[in-house]
Every structure is written in C-alpha cells, then in structure tokens.
Amino acid sequence: MRASFSNFARVLIAASIALACSLVACGDDFDAACSPWCAVVDDCTEDSFSECMNACMEESSQARAISSECANAVRDQNVCLGELTCAEFEAWLEEIPPDGYPCKAADDGVWNACFP
C-alpha cells in the first residue's frame, strides 16, 4: 500500500499555520530542495509532482515566517528526503526503526528549530 503524502503534508502545514501568522515568499534554494523531494513523492506515492511542489513551497514559506533557523532545517529535511529510495521513504513515513529511520536527524532538526 502506498503512503499518501497529502495527509502528511496537511499535518505539517496545519502545524506550521498554528505557529506562523503570515507567509513570506520562498527563494530559489527552496525550489532546489523541493524538486528532488517531490520527485521521490511522485515516484513512491499516488500524489503528483506538482501537488507536492505546491505543498512543499507552502511549507517552506511558513518555515521562513517562523525563523531562518526553521527555514534552514526544513530545507535540510527536504534535501535528505530527496535522496531516499521508495523503501527508505516508506521507512521514513512509518518511522522504522524508531531510533534511526531515514532522515531522523533532519526531522529532529525541524522539530528543534520550528517547534521549540
């Protein structure tokens, strides 16, 4: 069964909205980080590349509204996610193994920078 990026993205975006009151524009560095991540989503789920790019850019924009540290952590997370295989992506979604799933360090970085 394929994981649905849409539900995961909604959770991330909802959490970001709760912390950020306004949105700011994203730079090209976010485009560069979102594109490989969204290629993984496109390959490994039923969601489309363009749907992912929209969600990723919105999340990146919200991260910038929180802080530059949060924006950098989200960008780093997207870079890590963009390097995953479908099997690794599935392990990331399911957090398997709990103490060392793919991109856990990047997830921890987002948590620490964006949700202090």
PDB file of N, CA and C in Angstrom:
ATOM      1  N   MET A   1       0.839  -1.172   0.000  1.00  0.00           N
ATOM      2  CA  MET A   1       0.000   0.000   0.000  1.00  0.00           C
ATOM      3  C   MET A   1       0.886   1.237   0.000  1.00  0.00           C
ATOM      4  N   ARG A   2       0.584   2.186  -0.824  1.00  0.00           N
ATOM      5  CA  ARG A   2       1.368   3.401  -0.921  1.00  0.00           C
ATOM      6  C   ARG A   2       0.898   4.407   0.113  1.00  0.00           C
ATOM      7  N   ALA A   3       1.847   5.099   0.692  1.00  0.00           N
ATOM      8  CA  ALA A   3       1.534   6.132   1.680  1.00  0.00           C
ATOM      9  C   ALA A   3       1.030   7.368   0.951  1.00  0.00           C
ATOM     10  N   SER A   4       0.188   8.116   1.588  1.00  0.00           N
ATOM     11  CA  SER A   4      -0.352   9.320   0.984  1.00  0.00           C
ATOM     12  C   SER A   4       0.377  10.542   1.513  1.00  0.00           C
ATOM     13  N   PHE A   5       1.083  11.226   0.641  1.00  0.00           N
ATOM     14  CA  PHE A   5       1.798  12.437   1.009  1.00  0.00           C
ATOM     15  C   PHE A   5       0.810  13.526   1.402  1.00  0.00           C
ATOM     16  N   SER A   6      -0.371  13.568   0.780  1.00  0.00           N
ATOM     17  CA  SER A   6      -1.329  14.628   1.036  1.00  0.00           C
ATOM     18  C   SER A   6      -1.692  14.722   2.505  1.00  0.00           C
ATOM     19  N   ASN A   7      -1.988  13.617   3.152  1.00  0.00           N
ATOM     20  CA  ASN A   7      -2.340  13.645   4.571  1.00  0.00           C
ATOM     21  C   ASN A   7      -1.169  14.114   5.409  1.00  0.00           C
ATOM     22  N   PHE A   8       0.016  13.618   5.112  1.00  0.00           N
ATOM     23  CA  PHE A   8       1.215  14.023   5.849  1.00  0.00           C
ATOM     24  C   PHE A   8       1.462  15.517   5.656  1.00  0.00           C
ATOM     25  N   ALA A   9       1.339  15.993   4.431  1.00  0.00           N
ATOM     26  CA  ALA A   9       1.567  17.413   4.148  1.00  0.00           C
ATOM     27  C   ALA A   9       0.560  18.277   4.880  1.00  0.00           C
ATOM     28  N   ARG A  10      -0.681  17.856   4.930  1.00  0.00           N
ATOM     29  CA  ARG A  10      -1.709  18.622   5.643  1.00  0.00           C
ATOM     30  C   ARG A  10      -1.360  18.769   7.121  1.00  0.00           C
ATOM     31  N   VAL A  11      -0.847  17.698   7.732  1.00  0.00           N
ATOM     32  CA  VAL A  11      -0.466  17.761   9.142  1.00  0.00           C
ATOM     33  C   VAL A  11       0.673  18.757   9.332  1.00  0.00           C
ATOM     34  N   LEU A  12       1.684  18.678   8.485  1.00  0.00           N
ATOM     35  CA  LEU A  12       2.810  19.614   8.597  1.00  0.00           C
ATOM     36  C   LEU A  12       2.371  21.056   8.377  1.00  0.00           C
ATOM     37  N   ILE A  13       1.549  21.267   7.378  1.00  0.00           N
ATOM     38  CA  ILE A  13       1.089  22.611   7.069  1.00  0.00           C
ATOM     39  C   ILE A  13       0.203  23.149   8.186  1.00  0.00           C
ATOM     40  N   ALA A  14      -0.674  22.324   8.719  1.00  0.00           N
ATOM     41  CA  ALA A  14      -1.536  22.769   9.813  1.00  0.00           C
ATOM     42  C   ALA A  14      -0.711  23.156  11.031  1.00  0.00           C
ATOM     43  N   ALA A  15       0.308  22.388  11.350  1.00  0.00           N
ATOM     44  CA  ALA A  15       1.171  22.706  12.490  1.00  0.00           C
ATOM     45  C   ALA A  15       1.912  24.015  12.238  1.00  0.00           C
ATOM     46  N   SER A  16       2.367  24.201  11.020  1.00  0.00           N
ATOM     47  CA  SER A  16       3.086  25.432  10.687  1.00  0.00           C
ATOM     48  C   SER A  16       2.173  26.641  10.758  1.00  0.00           C
ATOM     49  N   ILE A  17       0.943  26.488  10.293  1.00  0.00           N
ATOM     50  CA  ILE A  17      -0.008  27.592  10.335  1.00  0.00           C
ATOM     51  C   ILE A  17      -0.282  28.010  11.770  1.00  0.00           C
ATOM     52  N   ALA A  18      -0.347  27.051  12.642  1.00  0.00           N
ATOM     53  CA  ALA A  18      -0.590  27.373  14.041  1.00  0.00           C
ATOM     54  C   ALA A  18       0.539  28.202  14.634  1.00  0.00           C
ATOM     55  N   LEU A  19       1.746  28.027  14.126  1.00  0.00           N
ATOM     56  CA  LEU A  19       2.903  28.752  14.646  1.00  0.00           C
ATOM     57  C   LEU A  19       3.227  30.023  13.872  1.00  0.00           C
ATOM     58  N   ALA A  20       2.795  30.113  12.639  1.00  0.00           N
ATOM     59  CA  ALA A  20       3.146  31.263  11.800  1.00  0.00           C
ATOM     60  C   ALA A  20       1.910  32.051  11.418  1.00  0.00           C
ATOM     61  N   CYS A  21       1.951  33.347  11.621  1.00  0.00           N
ATOM     62  CA  CYS A  21       0.787  34.183  11.341  1.00  0.00           C
ATOM     63  C   CYS A  21       0.771  34.716   9.920  1.00  0.00           C
ATOM     64  N   SER A  22       1.950  34.797   9.322  1.00  0.00           N
ATOM     65  CA  SER A  22       1.999  35.337   7.971  1.00  0.00           C
ATOM     66  C   SER A  22       2.935  34.520   7.110  1.00  0.00           C
ATOM     67  N   LEU A  23       2.736  34.642   5.818  1.00  0.00           N
ATOM     68  CA  LEU A  23       3.568  33.913   4.861  1.00  0.00           C
ATOM     69  C   LEU A  23       4.486  34.883   4.146  1.00  0.00           C
ATOM     70  N   VAL A  24       5.676  34.408   3.807  1.00  0.00           N
ATOM     71  CA  VAL A  24       6.606  35.195   3.009  1.00  0.00           C
ATOM     72  C   VAL A  24       7.016  34.371   1.806  1.00  0.00           C
ATOM     73  N   ALA A  25       7.548  35.008   0.803  1.00  0.00           N
ATOM     74  CA  ALA A  25       7.918  34.306  -0.423  1.00  0.00           C
ATOM     75  C   ALA A  25       9.137  33.420  -0.200  1.00  0.00           C
ATOM     76  N   CYS A  26       9.211  32.354  -0.975  1.00  0.00           N
ATOM     77  CA  CYS A  26      10.344  31.431  -0.899  1.00  0.00           C
ATOM     78  C   CYS A  26      11.379  31.796  -1.945  1.00  0.00           C
ATOM     79  N   GLY A  27      12.615  31.475  -1.671  1.00  0.00           N
ATOM     80  CA  GLY A  27      13.689  31.713  -2.624  1.00  0.00           C
ATOM     81  C   GLY A  27      13.954  30.489  -3.467  1.00  0.00           C
ATOM     82  N   ASP A  28      14.867  30.625  -4.416  1.00  0.00           N
ATOM     83  CA  ASP A  28      15.207  29.542  -5.323  1.00  0.00           C
ATOM     84  C   ASP A  28      15.816  28.350  -4.606  1.00  0.00           C
ATOM     85  N   ASP A  29      16.472  28.583  -3.449  1.00  0.00           N
ATOM     86  CA  ASP A  29      17.061  27.470  -2.719  1.00  0.00           C
ATOM     87  C   ASP A  29      15.993  26.489  -2.260  1.00  0.00           C
ATOM     88  N   PHE A  30      14.797  26.975  -2.009  1.00  0.00           N
ATOM     89  CA  PHE A  30      13.709  26.083  -1.634  1.00  0.00           C
ATOM     90  C   PHE A  30      13.205  25.304  -2.841  1.00  0.00           C
ATOM     91  N   ASP A  31      13.165  25.935  -4.001  1.00  0.00           N
ATOM     92  CA  ASP A  31      12.813  25.214  -5.230  1.00  0.00           C
ATOM     93  C   ASP A  31      13.773  24.046  -5.433  1.00  0.00           C
ATOM     94  N   ALA A  32      15.056  24.307  -5.233  1.00  0.00           N
ATOM     95  CA  ALA A  32      16.078  23.283  -5.429  1.00  0.00           C
ATOM     96  C   ALA A  32      15.922  22.144  -4.429  1.00  0.00           C
ATOM     97  N   ALA A  33      15.490  22.440  -3.205  1.00  0.00           N
ATOM     98  CA  ALA A  33      15.315  21.403  -2.191  1.00  0.00           C
ATOM     99  C   ALA A  33      13.990  20.669  -2.379  1.00  0.00           C
ATOM    100  N   CYS A  34      12.972  21.351  -2.829  1.00  0.00           N
ATOM    101  CA  CYS A  34      11.655  20.726  -3.002  1.00  0.00           C
ATOM    102  C   CYS A  34      11.618  19.791  -4.208  1.00  0.00           C
ATOM    103  N   SER A  35      12.288  20.149  -5.268  1.00  0.00           N
ATOM    104  CA  SER A  35      12.192  19.381  -6.507  1.00  0.00           C
ATOM    105  C   SER A  35      12.612  17.917  -6.354  1.00  0.00           C
ATOM    106  N   PRO A  36      13.782  17.607  -5.779  1.00  0.00           N
ATOM    107  CA  PRO A  36      14.145  16.192  -5.620  1.00  0.00           C
ATOM    108  C   PRO A  36      13.208  15.462  -4.655  1.00  0.00           C
ATOM    109  N   TRP A  37      12.799  16.125  -3.599  1.00  0.00           N
ATOM    110  CA  TRP A  37      11.868  15.547  -2.635  1.00  0.00           C
ATOM    111  C   TRP A  37      10.558  15.204  -3.328  1.00  0.00           C
ATOM    112  N   CYS A  38      10.073  16.109  -4.158  1.00  0.00           N
ATOM    113  CA  CYS A  38       8.808  15.865  -4.850  1.00  0.00           C
ATOM    114  C   CYS A  38       8.946  14.797  -5.936  1.00  0.00           C
ATOM    115  N   ALA A  39      10.128  14.619  -6.479  1.00  0.00           N
ATOM    116  CA  ALA A  39      10.355  13.510  -7.418  1.00  0.00           C
ATOM    117  C   ALA A  39      10.203  12.184  -6.683  1.00  0.00           C
ATOM    118  N   VAL A  40      10.685  12.112  -5.435  1.00  0.00           N
ATOM    119  CA  VAL A  40      10.500  10.903  -4.618  1.00  0.00           C
ATOM    120  C   VAL A  40       9.015  10.669  -4.368  1.00  0.00           C
ATOM    121  N   VAL A  41       8.308  11.724  -3.984  1.00  0.00           N
ATOM    122  CA  VAL A  41       6.867  11.608  -3.733  1.00  0.00           C
ATOM    123  C   VAL A  41       6.151  11.128  -4.988  1.00  0.00           C
ATOM    124  N   ASP A  42       6.501  11.703  -6.125  1.00  0.00           N
ATOM    125  CA  ASP A  42       5.866  11.334  -7.390  1.00  0.00           C
ATOM    126  C   ASP A  42       6.128   9.869  -7.736  1.00  0.00           C
ATOM    127  N   ASP A  43       7.352   9.407  -7.484  1.00  0.00           N
ATOM    128  CA  ASP A  43       7.716   8.023  -7.787  1.00  0.00           C
ATOM    129  C   ASP A  43       7.121   7.020  -6.804  1.00  0.00           C
ATOM    130  N   CYS A  44       6.971   7.423  -5.545  1.00  0.00           N
ATOM    131  CA  CYS A  44       6.660   6.463  -4.486  1.00  0.00           C
ATOM    132  C   CYS A  44       5.225   6.528  -3.964  1.00  0.00           C
ATOM    133  N   THR A  45       4.452   7.485  -4.413  1.00  0.00           N
ATOM    134  CA  THR A  45       3.070   7.617  -3.943  1.00  0.00           C
ATOM    135  C   THR A  45       2.147   7.871  -5.134  1.00  0.00           C
ATOM    136  N   GLU A  46       0.906   8.044  -4.839  1.00  0.00           N
ATOM    137  CA  GLU A  46      -0.065   8.369  -5.879  1.00  0.00           C
ATOM    138  C   GLU A  46      -0.185   9.872  -6.087  1.00  0.00           C
ATOM    139  N   ASP A  47       0.513  10.657  -5.280  1.00  0.00           N
ATOM    140  CA  ASP A  47       0.455  12.106  -5.403  1.00  0.00           C
ATOM    141  C   ASP A  47       1.356  12.580  -6.532  1.00  0.00           C
ATOM    142  N   SER A  48       1.004  13.718  -7.106  1.00  0.00           N
ATOM    143  CA  SER A  48       1.738  14.233  -8.255  1.00  0.00           C
ATOM    144  C   SER A  48       2.880  15.148  -7.818  1.00  0.00           C
ATOM    145  N   PHE A  49       3.813  15.297  -8.717  1.00  0.00           N
ATOM    146  CA  PHE A  49       4.943  16.186  -8.502  1.00  0.00           C
ATOM    147  C   PHE A  49       4.458  17.605  -8.241  1.00  0.00           C
ATOM    148  N   SER A  50       3.535  18.105  -9.049  1.00  0.00           N
ATOM    149  CA  SER A  50       3.068  19.489  -8.901  1.00  0.00           C
ATOM    150  C   SER A  50       2.315  19.688  -7.587  1.00  0.00           C
ATOM    151  N   GLU A  51       1.531  18.711  -7.182  1.00  0.00           N
ATOM    152  CA  GLU A  51       0.821  18.787  -5.903  1.00  0.00           C
ATOM    153  C   GLU A  51       1.839  18.867  -4.752  1.00  0.00           C
ATOM    154  N   CYS A  52       2.865  18.059  -4.832  1.00  0.00           N
ATOM    155  CA  CYS A  52       3.917  18.066  -3.827  1.00  0.00           C
ATOM    156  C   CYS A  52       4.654  19.397  -3.824  1.00  0.00           C
ATOM    157  N   MET A  53       5.002  19.912  -4.993  1.00  0.00           N
ATOM    158  CA  MET A  53       5.726  21.187  -5.064  1.00  0.00           C
ATOM    159  C   MET A  53       4.918  22.299  -4.420  1.00  0.00           C
ATOM    160  N   ASN A  54       3.625  22.335  -4.667  1.00  0.00           N
ATOM    161  CA  ASN A  54       2.785  23.357  -4.041  1.00  0.00           C
ATOM    162  C   ASN A  54       2.825  23.239  -2.522  1.00  0.00           C
ATOM    163  N   ALA A  55       2.673  22.032  -2.008  1.00  0.00           N
ATOM    164  CA  ALA A  55       2.697  21.807  -0.560  1.00  0.00           C
ATOM    165  C   ALA A  55       4.072  22.123   0.019  1.00  0.00           C
ATOM    166  N   CYS A  56       5.119  21.706  -0.678  1.00  0.00           N
ATOM    167  CA  CYS A  56       6.485  21.931  -0.208  1.00  0.00           C
ATOM    168  C   CYS A  56       6.803  23.420  -0.170  1.00  0.00           C
ATOM    169  N   MET A  57       6.445  24.140  -1.198  1.00  0.00           N
ATOM    170  CA  MET A  57       6.714  25.574  -1.235  1.00  0.00           C
ATOM    171  C   MET A  57       5.920  26.306  -0.152  1.00  0.00           C
ATOM    172  N   GLU A  58       4.704  25.878   0.098  1.00  0.00           N
ATOM    173  CA  GLU A  58       3.904  26.491   1.156  1.00  0.00           C
ATOM    174  C   GLU A  58       4.544  26.214   2.520  1.00  0.00           C
ATOM    175  N   GLU A  59       4.961  24.978   2.742  1.00  0.00           N
ATOM    176  CA  GLU A  59       5.620  24.637   3.999  1.00  0.00           C
ATOM    177  C   GLU A  59       6.911  25.429   4.161  1.00  0.00           C
ATOM    178  N   SER A  60       7.681  25.561   3.102  1.00  0.00           N
ATOM    179  CA  SER A  60       8.926  26.320   3.154  1.00  0.00           C
ATOM    180  C   SER A  60       8.658  27.783   3.469  1.00  0.00           C
ATOM    181  N   SER A  61       7.624  28.327   2.878  1.00  0.00           N
ATOM    182  CA  SER A  61       7.244  29.706   3.141  1.00  0.00           C
ATOM    183  C   SER A  61       6.856  29.893   4.605  1.00  0.00           C
ATOM    184  N   GLN A  62       6.095  28.972   5.132  1.00  0.00           N
ATOM    185  CA  GLN A  62       5.685  29.047   6.525  1.00  0.00           C
ATOM    186  C   GLN A  62       6.883  28.895   7.461  1.00  0.00           C
ATOM    187  N   ALA A  63       7.828  28.056   7.088  1.00  0.00           N
ATOM    188  CA  ALA A  63       9.036  27.877   7.898  1.00  0.00           C
ATOM    189  C   ALA A  63       9.826  29.179   7.951  1.00  0.00           C
ATOM    190  N   ARG A  64       9.915  29.880   6.841  1.00  0.00           N
ATOM    191  CA  ARG A  64      10.610  31.177   6.816  1.00  0.00           C
ATOM    192  C   ARG A  64       9.912  32.188   7.708  1.00  0.00           C
ATOM    193  N   ALA A  65       8.592  32.110   7.793  1.00  0.00           N
ATOM    194  CA  ALA A  65       7.839  33.031   8.646  1.00  0.00           C
ATOM    195  C   ALA A  65       8.127  32.761  10.125  1.00  0.00           C
ATOM    196  N   ILE A  66       8.504  31.528  10.448  1.00  0.00           N
ATOM    197  CA  ILE A  66       8.818  31.187  11.842  1.00  0.00           C
ATOM    198  C   ILE A  66      10.203  31.712  12.199  1.00  0.00           C
ATOM    199  N   SER A  67      11.226  31.334  11.422  1.00  0.00           N
ATOM    200  CA  SER A  67      12.590  31.816  11.668  1.00  0.00           C
ATOM    201  C   SER A  67      13.506  31.322  10.554  1.00  0.00           C
ATOM    202  N   SER A  68      14.654  31.945  10.450  1.00  0.00           N
ATOM    203  CA  SER A  68      15.624  31.483   9.447  1.00  0.00           C
ATOM    204  C   SER A  68      16.154  30.101   9.820  1.00  0.00           C
ATOM    205  N   GLU A  69      16.280  29.833  11.118  1.00  0.00           N
ATOM    206  CA  GLU A  69      16.728  28.512  11.561  1.00  0.00           C
ATOM    207  C   GLU A  69      15.722  27.438  11.157  1.00  0.00           C
ATOM    208  N   CYS A  70      14.446  27.737  11.315  1.00  0.00           N
ATOM    209  CA  CYS A  70      13.396  26.803  10.913  1.00  0.00           C
ATOM    210  C   CYS A  70      13.442  26.589   9.400  1.00  0.00           C
ATOM    211  N   ALA A  71      13.578  27.664   8.652  1.00  0.00           N
ATOM    212  CA  ALA A  71      13.640  27.556   7.191  1.00  0.00           C
ATOM    213  C   ALA A  71      14.819  26.693   6.760  1.00  0.00           C
ATOM    214  N   ASN A  72      15.970  26.885   7.380  1.00  0.00           N
ATOM    215  CA  ASN A  72      17.147  26.083   7.037  1.00  0.00           C
ATOM    216  C   ASN A  72      16.929  24.622   7.388  1.00  0.00           C
ATOM    217  N   ALA A  73      16.298  24.362   8.527  1.00  0.00           N
ATOM    218  CA  ALA A  73      16.041  22.976   8.941  1.00  0.00           C
ATOM    219  C   ALA A  73      15.070  22.294   7.981  1.00  0.00           C
ATOM    220  N   VAL A  74      14.031  22.995   7.555  1.00  0.00           N
ATOM    221  CA  VAL A  74      13.063  22.434   6.608  1.00  0.00           C
ATOM    222  C   VAL A  74      13.747  22.173   5.272  1.00  0.00           C
ATOM    223  N   ARG A  75      14.580  23.101   4.824  1.00  0.00           N
ATOM    224  CA  ARG A  75      15.314  22.896   3.569  1.00  0.00           C
ATOM    225  C   ARG A  75      16.233  21.674   3.686  1.00  0.00           C
ATOM    226  N   ASP A  76      16.938  21.552   4.805  1.00  0.00           N
ATOM    227  CA  ASP A  76      17.816  20.396   5.004  1.00  0.00           C
ATOM    228  C   ASP A  76      17.026  19.094   5.037  1.00  0.00           C
ATOM    229  N   GLN A  77      15.849  19.122   5.648  1.00  0.00           N
ATOM    230  CA  GLN A  77      14.990  17.938   5.681  1.00  0.00           C
ATOM    231  C   GLN A  77      14.571  17.566   4.255  1.00  0.00           C
ATOM    232  N   ASN A  78      14.193  18.550   3.467  1.00  0.00           N
ATOM    233  CA  ASN A  78      13.773  18.279   2.095  1.00  0.00           C
ATOM    234  C   ASN A  78      14.918  17.714   1.262  1.00  0.00           C
ATOM    235  N   VAL A  79      16.136  18.206   1.499  1.00  0.00           N
ATOM    236  CA  VAL A  79      17.301  17.666   0.791  1.00  0.00           C
ATOM    237  C   VAL A  79      17.472  16.195   1.153  1.00  0.00           C
ATOM    238  N   CYS A  80      17.383  15.873   2.436  1.00  0.00           N
ATOM    239  CA  CYS A  80      17.520  14.481   2.872  1.00  0.00           C
ATOM    240  C   CYS A  80      16.432  13.614   2.247  1.00  0.00           C
ATOM    241  N   LEU A  81      15.201  14.081   2.299  1.00  0.00           N
ATOM    242  CA  LEU A  81      14.078  13.313   1.756  1.00  0.00           C
ATOM    243  C   LEU A  81      14.220  13.104   0.256  1.00  0.00           C
ATOM    244  N   GLY A  82      14.816  14.055  -0.424  1.00  0.00           N
ATOM    245  CA  GLY A  82      15.014  13.959  -1.864  1.00  0.00           C
ATOM    246  C   GLY A  82      16.031  12.913  -2.268  1.00  0.00           C
ATOM    247  N   GLU A  83      16.769  12.387  -1.308  1.00  0.00           N
ATOM    248  CA  GLU A  83      17.777  11.363  -1.587  1.00  0.00           C
ATOM    249  C   GLU A  83      17.299   9.954  -1.268  1.00  0.00           C
ATOM    250  N   LEU A  84      16.044   9.803  -0.841  1.00  0.00           N
ATOM    251  CA  LEU A  84      15.531   8.499  -0.420  1.00  0.00           C
ATOM    252  C   LEU A  84      15.053   7.647  -1.592  1.00  0.00           C
ATOM    253  N   THR A  85      15.189   6.346  -1.431  1.00  0.00           N
ATOM    254  CA  THR A  85      14.539   5.387  -2.329  1.00  0.00           C
ATOM    255  C   THR A  85      13.095   5.232  -1.850  1.00  0.00           C
ATOM    256  N   CYS A  86      12.280   4.539  -2.601  1.00  0.00           N
ATOM    257  CA  CYS A  86      10.893   4.311  -2.168  1.00  0.00           C
ATOM    258  C   CYS A  86      10.840   3.502  -0.872  1.00  0.00           C
ATOM    259  N   ALA A  87      11.715   2.512  -0.730  1.00  0.00           N
ATOM    260  CA  ALA A  87      11.743   1.721   0.506  1.00  0.00           C
ATOM    261  C   ALA A  87      12.142   2.597   1.692  1.00  0.00           C
ATOM    262  N   GLU A  88      13.127   3.458   1.496  1.00  0.00           N
ATOM    263  CA  GLU A  88      13.542   4.373   2.563  1.00  0.00           C
ATOM    264  C   GLU A  88      12.444   5.388   2.872  1.00  0.00           C
ATOM    265  N   PHE A  89      11.772   5.857   1.833  1.00  0.00           N
ATOM    266  CA  PHE A  89      10.657   6.789   2.015  1.00  0.00           C
ATOM    267  C   PHE A  89       9.567   6.154   2.881  1.00  0.00           C
ATOM    268  N   GLU A  90       9.247   4.915   2.593  1.00  0.00           N
ATOM    269  CA  GLU A  90       8.243   4.183   3.379  1.00  0.00           C
ATOM    270  C   GLU A  90       8.709   4.046   4.828  1.00  0.00           C
ATOM    271  N   ALA A  91       9.990   3.747   5.037  1.00  0.00           N
ATOM    272  CA  ALA A  91      10.539   3.646   6.398  1.00  0.00           C
ATOM    273  C   ALA A  91      10.469   4.999   7.098  1.00  0.00           C
ATOM    274  N   TRP A  92      10.704   6.077   6.364  1.00  0.00           N
ATOM    275  CA  TRP A  92      10.595   7.421   6.940  1.00  0.00           C
ATOM    276  C   TRP A  92       9.161   7.702   7.377  1.00  0.00           C
ATOM    277  N   LEU A  93       8.211   7.375   6.514  1.00  0.00           N
ATOM    278  CA  LEU A  93       6.809   7.615   6.855  1.00  0.00           C
ATOM    279  C   LEU A  93       6.380   6.832   8.096  1.00  0.00           C
ATOM    280  N   GLU A  94       6.864   5.617   8.192  1.00  0.00           N
ATOM    281  CA  GLU A  94       6.461   4.733   9.289  1.00  0.00           C
ATOM    282  C   GLU A  94       7.394   4.828  10.504  1.00  0.00           C
ATOM    283  N   GLU A  95       8.461   5.628  10.380  1.00  0.00           N
ATOM    284  CA  GLU A  95       9.472   5.788  11.434  1.00  0.00           C
ATOM    285  C   GLU A  95      10.033   4.440  11.885  1.00  0.00           C
ATOM    286  N   ILE A  96      10.520   3.682  10.885  1.00  0.00           N
ATOM    287  CA  ILE A  96      11.088   2.355  11.138  1.00  0.00           C
ATOM    288  C   ILE A  96      12.565   2.367  10.740  1.00  0.00           C
ATOM    289  N   PRO A  97      13.477   2.013  11.622  1.00  0.00           N
ATOM    290  CA  PRO A  97      13.298   1.767  13.054  1.00  0.00           C
ATOM    291  C   PRO A  97      13.126   3.098  13.800  1.00  0.00           C
ATOM    292  N   PRO A  98      12.425   3.084  14.919  1.00  0.00           N
ATOM    293  CA  PRO A  98      12.088   4.323  15.621  1.00  0.00           C
ATOM    294  C   PRO A  98      13.291   5.205  15.968  1.00  0.00           C
ATOM    295  N   ASP A  99      14.412   4.611  16.308  1.00  0.00           N
ATOM    296  CA  ASP A  99      15.570   5.395  16.724  1.00  0.00           C
ATOM    297  C   ASP A  99      16.530   5.735  15.596  1.00  0.00           C
ATOM    298  N   GLY A 100      16.234   5.281  14.382  1.00  0.00           N
ATOM    299  CA  GLY A 100      17.177   5.533  13.304  1.00  0.00           C
ATOM    300  C   GLY A 100      16.581   5.435  11.920  1.00  0.00           C
ATOM    301  N   TYR A 101      15.336   5.816  11.760  1.00  0.00           N
ATOM    302  CA  TYR A 101      14.716   5.761  10.436  1.00  0.00           C
ATOM    303  C   TYR A 101      15.379   6.796   9.513  1.00  0.00           C
ATOM    304  N   PRO A 102      15.222   6.639   8.201  1.00  0.00           N
ATOM    305  CA  PRO A 102      15.844   7.582   7.263  1.00  0.00           C
ATOM    306  C   PRO A 102      15.413   9.022   7.540  1.00  0.00           C
ATOM    307  N   CYS A 103      16.366   9.915   7.549  1.00  0.00           N
ATOM    308  CA  CYS A 103      16.175  11.353   7.745  1.00  0.00           C
ATOM    309  C   CYS A 103      15.719  11.721   9.158  1.00  0.00           C
ATOM    310  N   LYS A 104      15.916  10.831  10.130  1.00  0.00           N
ATOM    311  CA  LYS A 104      15.524  11.140  11.504  1.00  0.00           C
ATOM    312  C   LYS A 104      16.259  12.368  12.021  1.00  0.00           C
ATOM    313  N   ALA A 105      17.545  12.479  11.749  1.00  0.00           N
ATOM    314  CA  ALA A 105      18.306  13.638  12.216  1.00  0.00           C
ATOM    315  C   ALA A 105      17.739  14.929  11.623  1.00  0.00           C
ATOM    316  N   ALA A 106      17.332  14.892  10.357  1.00  0.00           N
ATOM    317  CA  ALA A 106      16.735  16.065   9.719  1.00  0.00           C
ATOM    318  C   ALA A 106      15.373  16.372  10.330  1.00  0.00           C
ATOM    319  N   ASP A 107      14.581  15.337  10.618  1.00  0.00           N
ATOM    320  CA  ASP A 107      13.295  15.539  11.291  1.00  0.00           C
ATOM    321  C   ASP A 107      13.503  16.170  12.660  1.00  0.00           C
ATOM    322  N   ASP A 108      14.502  15.668  13.396  1.00  0.00           N
ATOM    323  CA  ASP A 108      14.812  16.229  14.711  1.00  0.00           C
ATOM    324  C   ASP A 108      15.222  17.694  14.583  1.00  0.00           C
ATOM    325  N   GLY A 109      15.970  18.015  13.537  1.00  0.00           N
ATOM    326  CA  GLY A 109      16.376  19.402  13.299  1.00  0.00           C
ATOM    327  C   GLY A 109      15.187  20.310  13.068  1.00  0.00           C
ATOM    328  N   VAL A 110      14.196  19.831  12.311  1.00  0.00           N
ATOM    329  CA  VAL A 110      12.979  20.620  12.087  1.00  0.00           C
ATOM    330  C   VAL A 110      12.236  20.795  13.404  1.00  0.00           C
ATOM    331  N   TRP A 111      12.104  19.722  14.136  1.00  0.00           N
ATOM    332  CA  TRP A 111      11.389  19.788  15.412  1.00  0.00           C
ATOM    333  C   TRP A 111      12.038  20.815  16.342  1.00  0.00           C
ATOM    334  N   ASN A 112      13.359  20.755  16.459  1.00  0.00           N
ATOM    335  CA  ASN A 112      14.078  21.653  17.357  1.00  0.00           C
ATOM    336  C   ASN A 112      14.055  23.106  16.902  1.00  0.00           C
ATOM    337  N   ALA A 113      14.131  23.337  15.601  1.00  0.00           N
ATOM    338  CA  ALA A 113      14.179  24.692  15.083  1.00  0.00           C
ATOM    339  C   ALA A 113      12.799  25.347  14.924  1.00  0.00           C
ATOM    340  N   CYS A 114      11.802  24.541  14.649  1.00  0.00           N
ATOM    341  CA  CYS A 114      10.480  25.112  14.308  1.00  0.00           C
ATOM    342  C   CYS A 114       9.456  24.979  15.438  1.00  0.00           C
ATOM    343  N   PHE A 115       9.679  24.072  16.351  1.00  0.00           N
ATOM    344  CA  PHE A 115       8.718  23.829  17.427  1.00  0.00           C
ATOM    345  C   PHE A 115       9.428  23.813  18.786  1.00  0.00           C
ATOM    346  N   PRO A 116      10.119  24.930  19.120  1.00  0.00           N
ATOM    347  CA  PRO A 116      10.892  24.924  20.381  1.00  0.00           C
ATOM    348  C   PRO A 116      10.005  24.873  21.614  1.00  0.00           C
TER     349      PRO A 116
END
